[in-house]
Amino acid sequence: MKLWFGSGAVVVVLVTAGASLSPVSGAATTTSLAPNNAVGWIATSTEFFPPPSGAGPVRQDPAYPHVSNEEYRATGRQATLQIADLSSPILQPWVKENLRKRNELVVAGKGDLSPAVNCWPVGVPAFLLLTIQPIFFIPGPHEVVIVWQGDHHQMRRIYLTDRHSPHVRPTWFGESIGHYEGDTLVVDTIGLSTKTVTDFFFTPHTEKLHIVERFRVLEGGRTMEARIHVEDAGAFTMAWDAVQHYRRVEPGVAENETPLSPISGSTAAGPLIERICAENARDYFGGGIAPIPRAEKSDF
């Protein structure tokens, strides 16, 4: 597939890596998620919202209110890192202990911002927490690619098929298969490496992690909602659900609300521009420099 973005001709070649996956015939090539190639979606929170009812995600510890970068820009209040509420009933004991240790680092001023800051692939569902820069959906007849503009190696491939490969090896973004239910894109993901985390509290998981996401556009195309269902009996005491909200960006239609400035990594609204994470070994909070990701061998 060749796609053209912006005023210059930028050819994006999508190579199908899932040769063992059989595509569903007649899949859509355009959807409300990508009505044209200039439409992007910016996540509104670095923390998942709880579902209307039932078990929800790990949340901020109320004893340590979180001040986001967006709130800092608006009010001047000191931004803070996220601290997990350890009273969450979904946590297995070993997961709670991992979060307790990270909380201690954060309180001591030594926590990391997120894996993405150090150029690490964030995995799923943490991909839905990447903010400031938009994500773009690139639909095709056999797969849908989702790429975060802030760093192009934060990219997902959803194969439009009805079954997973017989033997899935764990990788950074796992194996995602999907289908459309009307204008809703339903994505089923397994095979996620335990090097990734489920959120920016750094909640760990096992290789049993199973994610189902449902992406749909609301409010006449102005917003997008992602509903997430998470199962991992090795890390959580029960299945749980979460929600993420996105706002649309499109040149001349829905401009980015956060203008580019010395204290923002924002850009003008679309179309997709090329960006890649710099290999910077910066120690922001004195917690030890995270190593730059490197592959000792190929995943396949």
C-alpha atoms as a PDB file:
ATOM      1  CA  MET A   1       0.000   0.000   0.000  1.00  0.00           C
ATOM      2  CA  LYS A   2       1.281   3.506  -0.840  1.00  0.00           C
ATOM      3  CA  LEU A   3       0.059   6.521   1.108  1.00  0.00           C
ATOM      4  CA  TRP A   4       0.730  10.204   0.491  1.00  0.00           C
ATOM      5  CA  PHE A   5       1.008  12.595   3.421  1.00  0.00           C
ATOM      6  CA  GLY A   6       1.365  16.378   3.486  1.00  0.00           C
ATOM      7  CA  SER A   7       2.571  18.583   0.667  1.00  0.00           C
ATOM      8  CA  GLY A   8       5.535  16.358  -0.119  1.00  0.00           C
ATOM      9  CA  ALA A   9       5.246  12.845  -1.432  1.00  0.00           C
ATOM     10  CA  VAL A  10       6.075  10.483   1.398  1.00  0.00           C
ATOM     11  CA  VAL A  11       5.639   6.855   0.452  1.00  0.00           C
ATOM     12  CA  VAL A  12       4.792   4.553   3.337  1.00  0.00           C
ATOM     13  CA  VAL A  13       5.215   0.892   2.452  1.00  0.00           C
ATOM     14  CA  LEU A  14       3.368  -1.567   4.664  1.00  0.00           C
ATOM     15  CA  VAL A  15       4.862  -5.047   4.685  1.00  0.00           C
ATOM     16  CA  THR A  16       2.676  -7.828   6.009  1.00  0.00           C
ATOM     17  CA  ALA A  17       4.584  -9.854   8.612  1.00  0.00           C
ATOM     18  CA  GLY A  18       1.823 -12.259   9.612  1.00  0.00           C
ATOM     19  CA  ALA A  19       2.104 -14.755   6.774  1.00  0.00           C
ATOM     20  CA  SER A  20       0.375 -17.474   8.802  1.00  0.00           C
ATOM     21  CA  LEU A  21      -2.727 -15.311   9.333  1.00  0.00           C
ATOM     22  CA  SER A  22      -5.595 -15.697   6.879  1.00  0.00           C
ATOM     23  CA  PRO A  23      -7.261 -12.351   6.128  1.00  0.00           C
ATOM     24  CA  VAL A  24     -11.009 -11.844   6.210  1.00  0.00           C
ATOM     25  CA  SER A  25     -12.228 -11.066   2.709  1.00  0.00           C
ATOM     26  CA  GLY A  26     -14.021  -7.812   1.969  1.00  0.00           C
ATOM     27  CA  ALA A  27     -12.574  -5.868   4.924  1.00  0.00           C
ATOM     28  CA  ALA A  28     -13.019  -2.091   4.888  1.00  0.00           C
ATOM     29  CA  THR A  29     -10.235   0.171   3.598  1.00  0.00           C
ATOM     30  CA  THR A  30     -11.710   3.412   5.005  1.00  0.00           C
ATOM     31  CA  THR A  31     -13.529   3.920   8.280  1.00  0.00           C
ATOM     32  CA  SER A  32     -14.695   6.726  10.541  1.00  0.00           C
ATOM     33  CA  LEU A  33     -11.377   6.232  12.390  1.00  0.00           C
ATOM     34  CA  ALA A  34      -9.558   7.459   9.271  1.00  0.00           C
ATOM     35  CA  PRO A  35     -11.989   9.356   7.022  1.00  0.00           C
ATOM     36  CA  ASN A  36      -8.934  10.917   5.356  1.00  0.00           C
ATOM     37  CA  ASN A  37      -5.184  10.712   5.853  1.00  0.00           C
ATOM     38  CA  ALA A  38      -4.974  13.994   7.796  1.00  0.00           C
ATOM     39  CA  VAL A  39      -7.165  12.857  10.711  1.00  0.00           C
ATOM     40  CA  GLY A  40      -5.376  11.969  13.947  1.00  0.00           C
ATOM     41  CA  TRP A  41      -6.484  11.318  17.529  1.00  0.00           C
ATOM     42  CA  ILE A  42      -4.817  12.628  20.701  1.00  0.00           C
ATOM     43  CA  ALA A  43      -5.336  10.712  23.952  1.00  0.00           C
ATOM     44  CA  THR A  44      -6.676  12.884  26.765  1.00  0.00           C
ATOM     45  CA  SER A  45      -5.085  11.137  29.757  1.00  0.00           C
ATOM     46  CA  THR A  46      -1.979   9.213  30.813  1.00  0.00           C
ATOM     47  CA  GLU A  47      -4.239   7.219  33.159  1.00  0.00           C
ATOM     48  CA  PHE A  48      -7.106   4.941  32.152  1.00  0.00           C
ATOM     49  CA  PHE A  49     -10.629   5.986  33.093  1.00  0.00           C
ATOM     50  CA  PRO A  50     -12.726   3.437  35.020  1.00  0.00           C
ATOM     51  CA  PRO A  51     -15.681   1.683  33.365  1.00  0.00           C
ATOM     52  CA  PRO A  52     -19.284   2.636  34.242  1.00  0.00           C
ATOM     53  CA  SER A  53     -19.447  -0.441  36.480  1.00  0.00           C
ATOM     54  CA  GLY A  54     -17.359  -3.446  37.500  1.00  0.00           C
ATOM     55  CA  ALA A  55     -13.643  -3.877  38.104  1.00  0.00           C
ATOM     56  CA  GLY A  56     -11.484  -1.099  36.735  1.00  0.00           C
ATOM     57  CA  PRO A  57      -7.812  -0.239  36.193  1.00  0.00           C
ATOM     58  CA  VAL A  58      -5.161   0.773  38.695  1.00  0.00           C
ATOM     59  CA  ARG A  59      -5.731   4.411  39.656  1.00  0.00           C
ATOM     60  CA  GLN A  60      -3.782   7.248  41.237  1.00  0.00           C
ATOM     61  CA  ASP A  61      -3.265   7.043  45.000  1.00  0.00           C
ATOM     62  CA  PRO A  62      -5.625   9.738  46.383  1.00  0.00           C
ATOM     63  CA  ALA A  63      -3.009  10.618  49.009  1.00  0.00           C
ATOM     64  CA  TYR A  64      -0.760  11.845  46.170  1.00  0.00           C
ATOM     65  CA  PRO A  65      -2.831  13.855  43.665  1.00  0.00           C
ATOM     66  CA  HIS A  66      -1.399  13.675  40.173  1.00  0.00           C
ATOM     67  CA  VAL A  67      -0.557  16.937  38.395  1.00  0.00           C
ATOM     68  CA  SER A  68      -0.124  16.323  34.672  1.00  0.00           C
ATOM     69  CA  ASN A  69       2.061  18.308  32.285  1.00  0.00           C
ATOM     70  CA  GLU A  70      -1.117  19.726  30.745  1.00  0.00           C
ATOM     71  CA  GLU A  71      -2.230  21.015  34.167  1.00  0.00           C
ATOM     72  CA  TYR A  72       1.228  22.465  34.756  1.00  0.00           C
ATOM     73  CA  ARG A  73       1.061  24.360  31.461  1.00  0.00           C
ATOM     74  CA  ALA A  74      -2.399  25.679  32.339  1.00  0.00           C
ATOM     75  CA  THR A  75      -1.860  26.537  36.019  1.00  0.00           C
ATOM     76  CA  GLY A  76       1.863  26.518  36.778  1.00  0.00           C
ATOM     77  CA  ARG A  77       1.405  23.872  39.491  1.00  0.00           C
ATOM     78  CA  GLN A  78       4.373  21.531  39.869  1.00  0.00           C
ATOM     79  CA  ALA A  79       3.878  18.445  37.733  1.00  0.00           C
ATOM     80  CA  THR A  80       4.151  15.111  39.555  1.00  0.00           C
ATOM     81  CA  LEU A  81       4.628  11.466  38.635  1.00  0.00           C
ATOM     82  CA  GLN A  82       1.929   8.836  38.904  1.00  0.00           C
ATOM     83  CA  ILE A  83       1.687   6.805  42.125  1.00  0.00           C
ATOM     84  CA  ALA A  84      -0.416   3.658  42.129  1.00  0.00           C
ATOM     85  CA  ASP A  85      -3.247   3.086  44.597  1.00  0.00           C
ATOM     86  CA  LEU A  86      -2.221  -0.218  46.193  1.00  0.00           C
ATOM     87  CA  SER A  87      -5.716  -0.805  47.571  1.00  0.00           C
ATOM     88  CA  SER A  88      -6.925  -1.815  44.113  1.00  0.00           C
ATOM     89  CA  PRO A  89      -8.674  -5.199  44.403  1.00  0.00           C
ATOM     90  CA  ILE A  90      -7.453  -6.403  40.998  1.00  0.00           C
ATOM     91  CA  LEU A  91      -3.788  -6.823  42.028  1.00  0.00           C
ATOM     92  CA  GLN A  92      -2.119 -10.151  42.719  1.00  0.00           C
ATOM     93  CA  PRO A  93       0.297  -9.932  45.701  1.00  0.00           C
ATOM     94  CA  TRP A  94       3.470  -9.951  43.575  1.00  0.00           C
ATOM     95  CA  VAL A  95       2.117  -7.173  41.357  1.00  0.00           C
ATOM     96  CA  LYS A  96       1.201  -5.095  44.405  1.00  0.00           C
ATOM     97  CA  GLU A  97       4.741  -5.547  45.753  1.00  0.00           C
ATOM     98  CA  ASN A  98       6.250  -4.402  42.440  1.00  0.00           C
ATOM     99  CA  LEU A  99       4.070  -1.312  42.500  1.00  0.00           C
ATOM    100  CA  ARG A 100       4.934  -0.630  46.138  1.00  0.00           C
ATOM    101  CA  LYS A 101       8.641  -0.560  45.258  1.00  0.00           C
ATOM    102  CA  ARG A 102       8.033   1.806  42.354  1.00  0.00           C
ATOM    103  CA  ASN A 103       5.871   4.054  44.531  1.00  0.00           C
ATOM    104  CA  GLU A 104       8.761   4.361  46.965  1.00  0.00           C
ATOM    105  CA  LEU A 105      11.063   5.464  44.156  1.00  0.00           C
ATOM    106  CA  VAL A 106       8.567   8.046  42.952  1.00  0.00           C
ATOM    107  CA  VAL A 107       8.053   9.481  46.443  1.00  0.00           C
ATOM    108  CA  ALA A 108      11.852   9.692  46.746  1.00  0.00           C
ATOM    109  CA  GLY A 109      11.980  11.603  43.456  1.00  0.00           C
ATOM    110  CA  LYS A 110      13.587   8.780  41.497  1.00  0.00           C
ATOM    111  CA  GLY A 111      10.801   7.361  39.346  1.00  0.00           C
ATOM    112  CA  ASP A 112      10.686   7.198  35.559  1.00  0.00           C
ATOM    113  CA  LEU A 113       8.125   9.102  33.499  1.00  0.00           C
ATOM    114  CA  SER A 114       7.142   6.223  31.222  1.00  0.00           C
ATOM    115  CA  PRO A 115       8.911   3.568  29.146  1.00  0.00           C
ATOM    116  CA  ALA A 116       8.362   5.718  26.043  1.00  0.00           C
ATOM    117  CA  VAL A 117      10.544   8.511  27.448  1.00  0.00           C
ATOM    118  CA  ASN A 118      13.530   6.167  27.239  1.00  0.00           C
ATOM    119  CA  CYS A 119      12.557   4.958  23.740  1.00  0.00           C
ATOM    120  CA  TRP A 120      11.135   1.631  24.918  1.00  0.00           C
ATOM    121  CA  PRO A 121       8.147   0.165  23.050  1.00  0.00           C
ATOM    122  CA  VAL A 122       5.231   0.480  25.466  1.00  0.00           C
ATOM    123  CA  GLY A 123       3.144  -2.544  24.440  1.00  0.00           C
ATOM    124  CA  VAL A 124      -0.598  -2.937  24.907  1.00  0.00           C
ATOM    125  CA  PRO A 125      -2.704  -1.523  26.502  1.00  0.00           C
ATOM    126  CA  ALA A 126      -0.164   1.167  27.529  1.00  0.00           C
ATOM    127  CA  PHE A 127      -0.079   2.259  23.862  1.00  0.00           C
ATOM    128  CA  LEU A 128      -3.437   3.922  24.531  1.00  0.00           C
ATOM    129  CA  LEU A 129      -1.817   6.195  27.139  1.00  0.00           C
ATOM    130  CA  LEU A 130       0.605   7.913  24.743  1.00  0.00           C
ATOM    131  CA  THR A 131      -0.441  11.574  24.724  1.00  0.00           C
ATOM    132  CA  ILE A 132       0.491  14.994  23.234  1.00  0.00           C
ATOM    133  CA  GLN A 133       1.139  13.573  19.753  1.00  0.00           C
ATOM    134  CA  PRO A 134      -1.743  12.003  17.792  1.00  0.00           C
ATOM    135  CA  ILE A 135      -2.159   8.412  16.716  1.00  0.00           C
ATOM    136  CA  PHE A 136      -3.142   7.729  13.107  1.00  0.00           C
ATOM    137  CA  PHE A 137      -5.088   4.786  11.739  1.00  0.00           C
ATOM    138  CA  ILE A 138      -3.932   3.496   8.347  1.00  0.00           C
ATOM    139  CA  PRO A 139      -6.641   1.066   7.157  1.00  0.00           C
ATOM    140  CA  GLY A 140      -6.174  -1.501   4.441  1.00  0.00           C
ATOM    141  CA  PRO A 141      -8.010  -4.544   3.091  1.00  0.00           C
ATOM    142  CA  HIS A 142      -5.952  -7.026   5.128  1.00  0.00           C
ATOM    143  CA  GLU A 143      -4.602  -5.050   8.069  1.00  0.00           C
ATOM    144  CA  VAL A 144      -4.879  -1.804   9.997  1.00  0.00           C
ATOM    145  CA  VAL A 145      -1.725  -0.017  11.104  1.00  0.00           C
ATOM    146  CA  ILE A 146      -1.873   2.342  14.097  1.00  0.00           C
ATOM    147  CA  VAL A 147       1.116   4.618  14.544  1.00  0.00           C
ATOM    148  CA  TRP A 148       1.882   7.236  17.197  1.00  0.00           C
ATOM    149  CA  GLN A 149       3.320  10.355  15.629  1.00  0.00           C
ATOM    150  CA  GLY A 150       5.560  11.015  18.624  1.00  0.00           C
ATOM    151  CA  ASP A 151       7.715   7.995  17.809  1.00  0.00           C
ATOM    152  CA  HIS A 152       7.193   5.817  14.762  1.00  0.00           C
ATOM    153  CA  HIS A 153       8.472   2.639  16.347  1.00  0.00           C
ATOM    154  CA  GLN A 154       5.443   2.854  18.652  1.00  0.00           C
ATOM    155  CA  MET A 155       3.421   1.195  15.899  1.00  0.00           C
ATOM    156  CA  ARG A 156       0.839  -1.565  15.896  1.00  0.00           C
ATOM    157  CA  ARG A 157      -0.356  -3.897  13.131  1.00  0.00           C
ATOM    158  CA  ILE A 158      -3.858  -5.370  13.393  1.00  0.00           C
ATOM    159  CA  TYR A 159      -4.420  -8.249  10.994  1.00  0.00           C
ATOM    160  CA  LEU A 160      -8.012  -8.485   9.811  1.00  0.00           C
ATOM    161  CA  THR A 161      -8.581 -12.164  10.450  1.00  0.00           C
ATOM    162  CA  ASP A 162     -10.727 -14.295  12.739  1.00  0.00           C
ATOM    163  CA  ARG A 163      -8.044 -16.372  14.462  1.00  0.00           C
ATOM    164  CA  HIS A 164      -4.593 -16.033  15.995  1.00  0.00           C
ATOM    165  CA  SER A 165      -1.524 -17.879  14.752  1.00  0.00           C
ATOM    166  CA  PRO A 166      -1.187 -21.392  16.218  1.00  0.00           C
ATOM    167  CA  HIS A 167       2.069 -20.566  18.023  1.00  0.00           C
ATOM    168  CA  VAL A 168       2.462 -16.927  19.094  1.00  0.00           C
ATOM    169  CA  ARG A 169       5.855 -15.868  20.420  1.00  0.00           C
ATOM    170  CA  PRO A 170       5.894 -12.912  22.846  1.00  0.00           C
ATOM    171  CA  THR A 171       6.885  -9.599  21.278  1.00  0.00           C
ATOM    172  CA  TRP A 172       6.694  -5.914  22.227  1.00  0.00           C
ATOM    173  CA  PHE A 173       3.226  -5.378  20.770  1.00  0.00           C
ATOM    174  CA  GLY A 174       2.089  -8.988  20.660  1.00  0.00           C
ATOM    175  CA  GLU A 175      -0.116 -10.354  17.904  1.00  0.00           C
ATOM    176  CA  SER A 176      -3.259  -8.350  17.205  1.00  0.00           C
ATOM    177  CA  ILE A 177      -6.153  -9.547  15.078  1.00  0.00           C
ATOM    178  CA  GLY A 178      -9.249  -7.525  14.380  1.00  0.00           C
ATOM    179  CA  HIS A 179     -12.582  -7.074  12.664  1.00  0.00           C
ATOM    180  CA  TYR A 180     -15.174  -4.361  12.193  1.00  0.00           C
ATOM    181  CA  GLU A 181     -18.558  -4.311  13.866  1.00  0.00           C
ATOM    182  CA  GLY A 182     -20.126  -1.468  11.925  1.00  0.00           C
ATOM    183  CA  ASP A 183     -17.767   1.482  12.457  1.00  0.00           C
ATOM    184  CA  THR A 184     -16.226  -0.084  15.592  1.00  0.00           C
ATOM    185  CA  LEU A 185     -12.795  -1.667  15.197  1.00  0.00           C
ATOM    186  CA  VAL A 186     -12.488  -4.643  17.564  1.00  0.00           C
ATOM    187  CA  VAL A 187      -8.903  -5.719  18.309  1.00  0.00           C
ATOM    188  CA  ASP A 188      -7.831  -8.914  20.117  1.00  0.00           C
ATOM    189  CA  THR A 189      -4.198  -9.029  21.300  1.00  0.00           C
ATOM    190  CA  ILE A 190      -2.106 -11.818  22.864  1.00  0.00           C
ATOM    191  CA  GLY A 191       1.591 -12.689  22.953  1.00  0.00           C
ATOM    192  CA  LEU A 192       2.847  -9.604  24.799  1.00  0.00           C
ATOM    193  CA  SER A 193       6.380  -9.538  26.166  1.00  0.00           C
ATOM    194  CA  THR A 194       6.694  -9.156  29.938  1.00  0.00           C
ATOM    195  CA  LYS A 195       9.216  -6.387  29.248  1.00  0.00           C
ATOM    196  CA  THR A 196       6.182  -4.168  28.717  1.00  0.00           C
ATOM    197  CA  VAL A 197       3.794  -2.801  31.359  1.00  0.00           C
ATOM    198  CA  THR A 198       0.041  -2.332  31.302  1.00  0.00           C
ATOM    199  CA  ASP A 199       0.017   1.349  32.317  1.00  0.00           C
ATOM    200  CA  PHE A 200       2.261   4.229  33.376  1.00  0.00           C
ATOM    201  CA  PHE A 201       2.102   3.176  37.007  1.00  0.00           C
ATOM    202  CA  PHE A 202       4.370   0.419  35.606  1.00  0.00           C
ATOM    203  CA  THR A 203       1.889  -2.357  36.486  1.00  0.00           C
ATOM    204  CA  PRO A 204       3.519  -5.625  35.318  1.00  0.00           C
ATOM    205  CA  HIS A 205       1.818  -8.587  33.671  1.00  0.00           C
ATOM    206  CA  THR A 206       2.554 -12.174  32.642  1.00  0.00           C
ATOM    207  CA  GLU A 207       2.630 -13.765  29.192  1.00  0.00           C
ATOM    208  CA  LYS A 208      -1.017 -14.729  29.771  1.00  0.00           C
ATOM    209  CA  LEU A 209      -2.082 -11.119  29.170  1.00  0.00           C
ATOM    210  CA  HIS A 210      -5.064 -10.905  26.811  1.00  0.00           C
ATOM    211  CA  ILE A 211      -6.456  -7.564  25.640  1.00  0.00           C
ATOM    212  CA  VAL A 212      -9.630  -6.754  23.707  1.00  0.00           C
ATOM    213  CA  GLU A 213     -10.067  -3.162  22.521  1.00  0.00           C
ATOM    214  CA  ARG A 214     -13.052  -1.503  20.852  1.00  0.00           C
ATOM    215  CA  PHE A 215     -12.379   1.753  18.986  1.00  0.00           C
ATOM    216  CA  ARG A 216     -15.317   3.919  17.885  1.00  0.00           C
ATOM    217  CA  VAL A 217     -15.897   7.531  16.898  1.00  0.00           C
ATOM    218  CA  LEU A 218     -18.446   9.613  18.820  1.00  0.00           C
ATOM    219  CA  GLU A 219     -19.977  13.106  18.838  1.00  0.00           C
ATOM    220  CA  GLY A 220     -20.228  13.420  15.079  1.00  0.00           C
ATOM    221  CA  GLY A 221     -16.574  12.586  14.536  1.00  0.00           C
ATOM    222  CA  ARG A 222     -15.132  14.985  17.119  1.00  0.00           C
ATOM    223  CA  THR A 223     -13.970  12.360  19.630  1.00  0.00           C
ATOM    224  CA  MET A 224     -12.948   8.729  19.739  1.00  0.00           C
ATOM    225  CA  GLU A 225     -13.451   6.218  22.531  1.00  0.00           C
ATOM    226  CA  ALA A 226     -11.387   3.119  23.231  1.00  0.00           C
ATOM    227  CA  ARG A 227     -12.908   0.514  25.543  1.00  0.00           C
ATOM    228  CA  ILE A 228     -10.423  -1.995  26.913  1.00  0.00           C
ATOM    229  CA  HIS A 229     -10.995  -5.423  28.455  1.00  0.00           C
ATOM    230  CA  VAL A 230      -8.001  -6.991  30.235  1.00  0.00           C
ATOM    231  CA  GLU A 231      -7.484 -10.580  31.368  1.00  0.00           C
ATOM    232  CA  ASP A 232      -4.354 -12.034  33.013  1.00  0.00           C
ATOM    233  CA  ALA A 233      -4.914 -14.582  35.779  1.00  0.00           C
ATOM    234  CA  GLY A 234      -1.188 -14.527  36.561  1.00  0.00           C
ATOM    235  CA  ALA A 235      -1.147 -10.821  37.443  1.00  0.00           C
ATOM    236  CA  PHE A 236      -4.728  -9.875  38.313  1.00  0.00           C
ATOM    237  CA  THR A 237      -7.320 -11.361  40.645  1.00  0.00           C
ATOM    238  CA  MET A 238     -10.080 -10.698  38.111  1.00  0.00           C
ATOM    239  CA  ALA A 239     -10.671  -9.396  34.614  1.00  0.00           C
ATOM    240  CA  TRP A 240     -11.034  -5.617  34.456  1.00  0.00           C
ATOM    241  CA  ASP A 241     -12.158  -2.931  32.054  1.00  0.00           C
ATOM    242  CA  ALA A 242     -11.032   0.594  31.264  1.00  0.00           C
ATOM    243  CA  VAL A 243     -11.762   3.488  28.929  1.00  0.00           C
ATOM    244  CA  GLN A 244      -9.611   6.010  27.077  1.00  0.00           C
ATOM    245  CA  HIS A 245     -10.865   9.159  25.322  1.00  0.00           C
ATOM    246  CA  TYR A 246      -9.319  10.897  22.316  1.00  0.00           C
ATOM    247  CA  ARG A 247      -9.894  14.256  20.678  1.00  0.00           C
ATOM    248  CA  ARG A 248      -9.703  14.651  16.917  1.00  0.00           C
ATOM    249  CA  VAL A 249      -7.030  16.733  15.209  1.00  0.00           C
ATOM    250  CA  GLU A 250      -7.163  17.726  11.545  1.00  0.00           C
ATOM    251  CA  PRO A 251      -5.733  20.799   9.800  1.00  0.00           C
ATOM    252  CA  GLY A 252      -8.364  23.480   9.379  1.00  0.00           C
ATOM    253  CA  VAL A 253     -11.030  21.357  11.067  1.00  0.00           C
ATOM    254  CA  ALA A 254      -9.863  20.412  14.562  1.00  0.00           C
ATOM    255  CA  GLU A 255      -6.584  22.080  15.424  1.00  0.00           C
ATOM    256  CA  ASN A 256      -4.331  20.852  18.233  1.00  0.00           C
ATOM    257  CA  GLU A 257      -5.323  22.524  21.499  1.00  0.00           C
ATOM    258  CA  THR A 258      -1.734  22.436  22.785  1.00  0.00           C
ATOM    259  CA  PRO A 259       0.459  24.761  20.675  1.00  0.00           C
ATOM    260  CA  LEU A 260       4.119  24.018  20.119  1.00  0.00           C
ATOM    261  CA  SER A 261       6.276  25.744  22.747  1.00  0.00           C
ATOM    262  CA  PRO A 262       9.494  25.201  24.772  1.00  0.00           C
ATOM    263  CA  ILE A 263       7.463  23.288  27.386  1.00  0.00           C
ATOM    264  CA  SER A 264       5.431  21.165  25.005  1.00  0.00           C
ATOM    265  CA  GLY A 265       6.285  18.406  22.546  1.00  0.00           C
ATOM    266  CA  SER A 266       3.155  19.245  20.570  1.00  0.00           C
ATOM    267  CA  THR A 267       2.898  19.977  16.848  1.00  0.00           C
ATOM    268  CA  ALA A 268       0.291  21.467  14.562  1.00  0.00           C
ATOM    269  CA  ALA A 269      -2.651  19.217  13.723  1.00  0.00           C
ATOM    270  CA  GLY A 270      -1.742  16.547  11.102  1.00  0.00           C
ATOM    271  CA  PRO A 271      -1.129  15.171   8.664  1.00  0.00           C
ATOM    272  CA  LEU A 272       1.271  12.488   9.910  1.00  0.00           C
ATOM    273  CA  ILE A 273       4.850  13.721  10.118  1.00  0.00           C
ATOM    274  CA  GLU A 274       7.967  11.611  10.579  1.00  0.00           C
ATOM    275  CA  ARG A 275       9.399  11.472  14.099  1.00  0.00           C
ATOM    276  CA  ILE A 276      11.592   8.947  15.865  1.00  0.00           C
ATOM    277  CA  CYS A 277      12.725   8.664  19.470  1.00  0.00           C
ATOM    278  CA  ALA A 278      16.199  10.083  20.048  1.00  0.00           C
ATOM    279  CA  GLU A 279      18.645   7.760  21.757  1.00  0.00           C
ATOM    280  CA  ASN A 280      19.102   9.967  24.789  1.00  0.00           C
ATOM    281  CA  ALA A 281      20.456   8.442  27.957  1.00  0.00           C
ATOM    282  CA  ARG A 282      19.039  11.070  30.306  1.00  0.00           C
ATOM    283  CA  ASP A 283      18.534  10.531  34.010  1.00  0.00           C
ATOM    284  CA  TYR A 284      15.571  12.797  34.741  1.00  0.00           C
ATOM    285  CA  PHE A 285      14.973  11.929  38.387  1.00  0.00           C
ATOM    286  CA  GLY A 286      18.158  10.345  39.702  1.00  0.00           C
ATOM    287  CA  GLY A 287      16.764   6.822  39.580  1.00  0.00           C
ATOM    288  CA  GLY A 288      19.427   5.415  37.294  1.00  0.00           C
ATOM    289  CA  ILE A 289      19.644   5.736  33.521  1.00  0.00           C
ATOM    290  CA  ALA A 290      17.404   3.300  31.662  1.00  0.00           C
ATOM    291  CA  PRO A 291      19.357   1.470  28.950  1.00  0.00           C
ATOM    292  CA  ILE A 292      18.574   2.196  25.331  1.00  0.00           C
ATOM    293  CA  PRO A 293      16.574  -0.740  23.909  1.00  0.00           C
ATOM    294  CA  ARG A 294      18.563  -3.077  21.689  1.00  0.00           C
ATOM    295  CA  ALA A 295      17.784  -6.367  20.025  1.00  0.00           C
ATOM    296  CA  GLU A 296      20.305  -9.161  20.541  1.00  0.00           C
ATOM    297  CA  LYS A 297      18.413 -11.338  18.062  1.00  0.00           C
ATOM    298  CA  SER A 298      15.379 -11.059  15.820  1.00  0.00           C
ATOM    299  CA  ASP A 299      11.904 -11.923  17.127  1.00  0.00           C
ATOM    300  CA  PHE A 300      11.126 -14.141  14.155  1.00  0.00           C
END
